[in-house]
Amino acid sequence: MDEILEVAEVAADFGLEGVMAWIVRLIGLLALLAGAGMWLVADMSLFVLPAALMVVGLVLLIAPSIFLLFLE
């Protein structure tokens, strides 16, 4: 956990926190769409993997805002 905070502090020093936040949000959006696609298009009978992807996607969409709030 300390390494993650250290990387975030270095990124903040260089003014890259916005870029990192948007990259994480983009990954979250892709995970959310992949989960929804697996559930809707692929007609997966096992709901665990698509649901997990959608939850992870939502967390990654929300987490950068909360993380940057704590850094300030």
C-alpha atoms as a PDB file:
ATOM      1  CA  MET A   1       0.000   0.000   0.000  1.00  0.00           C
ATOM      2  CA  ASP A   2       2.893   2.347   0.719  1.00  0.00           C
ATOM      3  CA  GLU A   3       4.233   1.892  -2.797  1.00  0.00           C
ATOM      4  CA  ILE A   4       0.892   2.864  -4.316  1.00  0.00           C
ATOM      5  CA  LEU A   5       0.752   6.024  -2.222  1.00  0.00           C
ATOM      6  CA  GLU A   6       4.341   6.809  -3.134  1.00  0.00           C
ATOM      7  CA  VAL A   7       3.583   6.477  -6.853  1.00  0.00           C
ATOM      8  CA  ALA A   8       0.513   8.684  -6.413  1.00  0.00           C
ATOM      9  CA  GLU A   9       2.584  11.344  -4.642  1.00  0.00           C
ATOM     10  CA  VAL A  10       5.212  11.314  -7.400  1.00  0.00           C
ATOM     11  CA  ALA A  11       2.471  11.612 -10.026  1.00  0.00           C
ATOM     12  CA  ALA A  12       0.971  14.519  -8.087  1.00  0.00           C
ATOM     13  CA  ASP A  13       4.363  16.226  -7.993  1.00  0.00           C
ATOM     14  CA  PHE A  14       4.570  16.041 -11.780  1.00  0.00           C
ATOM     15  CA  GLY A  15       0.916  17.047 -12.214  1.00  0.00           C
ATOM     16  CA  LEU A  16      -0.119  13.693 -13.667  1.00  0.00           C
ATOM     17  CA  GLU A  17      -2.843  12.786 -11.177  1.00  0.00           C
ATOM     18  CA  GLY A  18      -5.540  13.749 -13.664  1.00  0.00           C
ATOM     19  CA  VAL A  19      -4.042  11.553 -16.377  1.00  0.00           C
ATOM     20  CA  MET A  20      -3.725   8.583 -14.022  1.00  0.00           C
ATOM     21  CA  ALA A  21      -7.309   9.059 -12.825  1.00  0.00           C
ATOM     22  CA  TRP A  22      -8.643   9.036 -16.392  1.00  0.00           C
ATOM     23  CA  ILE A  23      -6.626   5.925 -17.260  1.00  0.00           C
ATOM     24  CA  VAL A  24      -8.093   4.091 -14.257  1.00  0.00           C
ATOM     25  CA  ARG A  25     -11.578   5.321 -15.193  1.00  0.00           C
ATOM     26  CA  LEU A  26     -11.080   4.094 -18.756  1.00  0.00           C
ATOM     27  CA  ILE A  27     -10.047   0.659 -17.492  1.00  0.00           C
ATOM     28  CA  GLY A  28     -13.115   0.659 -15.239  1.00  0.00           C
ATOM     29  CA  LEU A  29     -15.381   1.548 -18.140  1.00  0.00           C
ATOM     30  CA  LEU A  30     -13.880  -1.232 -20.254  1.00  0.00           C
ATOM     31  CA  ALA A  31     -14.364  -3.749 -17.422  1.00  0.00           C
ATOM     32  CA  LEU A  32     -17.952  -2.600 -16.951  1.00  0.00           C
ATOM     33  CA  LEU A  33     -18.704  -2.923 -20.663  1.00  0.00           C
ATOM     34  CA  ALA A  34     -16.962  -6.298 -20.853  1.00  0.00           C
ATOM     35  CA  GLY A  35     -19.051  -7.608 -17.973  1.00  0.00           C
ATOM     36  CA  ALA A  36     -22.268  -6.290 -19.482  1.00  0.00           C
ATOM     37  CA  GLY A  37     -21.318  -7.703 -22.871  1.00  0.00           C
ATOM     38  CA  MET A  38     -20.558 -11.110 -21.442  1.00  0.00           C
ATOM     39  CA  TRP A  39     -23.872 -11.133 -19.630  1.00  0.00           C
ATOM     40  CA  LEU A  40     -26.053  -9.792 -22.437  1.00  0.00           C
ATOM     41  CA  VAL A  41     -24.410 -10.881 -25.688  1.00  0.00           C
ATOM     42  CA  ALA A  42     -22.591 -14.082 -24.828  1.00  0.00           C
ATOM     43  CA  ASP A  43     -25.564 -15.407 -22.827  1.00  0.00           C
ATOM     44  CA  MET A  44     -23.359 -16.769 -20.074  1.00  0.00           C
ATOM     45  CA  SER A  45     -25.304 -19.006 -17.743  1.00  0.00           C
ATOM     46  CA  LEU A  46     -22.764 -18.440 -14.980  1.00  0.00           C
ATOM     47  CA  PHE A  47     -23.464 -14.944 -13.678  1.00  0.00           C
ATOM     48  CA  VAL A  48     -20.473 -14.692 -11.313  1.00  0.00           C
ATOM     49  CA  LEU A  49     -17.814 -13.540 -13.794  1.00  0.00           C
ATOM     50  CA  PRO A  50     -19.887 -10.853 -15.548  1.00  0.00           C
ATOM     51  CA  ALA A  51     -21.149  -9.557 -12.190  1.00  0.00           C
ATOM     52  CA  ALA A  52     -17.608  -9.424 -10.817  1.00  0.00           C
ATOM     53  CA  LEU A  53     -16.404  -7.532 -13.888  1.00  0.00           C
ATOM     54  CA  MET A  54     -19.233  -5.033 -13.562  1.00  0.00           C
ATOM     55  CA  VAL A  55     -18.549  -4.481  -9.852  1.00  0.00           C
ATOM     56  CA  VAL A  56     -14.824  -4.024 -10.476  1.00  0.00           C
ATOM     57  CA  GLY A  57     -15.636  -1.637 -13.314  1.00  0.00           C
ATOM     58  CA  LEU A  58     -17.868   0.466 -11.071  1.00  0.00           C
ATOM     59  CA  VAL A  59     -15.239   0.553  -8.344  1.00  0.00           C
ATOM     60  CA  LEU A  60     -12.597   1.666 -10.825  1.00  0.00           C
ATOM     61  CA  LEU A  61     -14.904   4.387 -12.117  1.00  0.00           C
ATOM     62  CA  ILE A  62     -15.535   5.758  -8.613  1.00  0.00           C
ATOM     63  CA  ALA A  63     -12.175   5.089  -6.917  1.00  0.00           C
ATOM     64  CA  PRO A  64     -10.056   7.805  -8.618  1.00  0.00           C
ATOM     65  CA  SER A  65     -12.358  10.564  -7.402  1.00  0.00           C
ATOM     66  CA  ILE A  66     -12.267   9.289  -3.839  1.00  0.00           C
ATOM     67  CA  PHE A  67      -8.520   8.638  -3.954  1.00  0.00           C
ATOM     68  CA  LEU A  68      -7.747  12.136  -5.270  1.00  0.00           C
ATOM     69  CA  LEU A  69     -10.033  13.605  -2.605  1.00  0.00           C
ATOM     70  CA  PHE A  70      -7.955  11.895   0.103  1.00  0.00           C
ATOM     71  CA  LEU A  71      -4.683  13.062  -1.448  1.00  0.00           C
ATOM     72  CA  GLU A  72      -5.762  16.690  -1.245  1.00  0.00           C
END
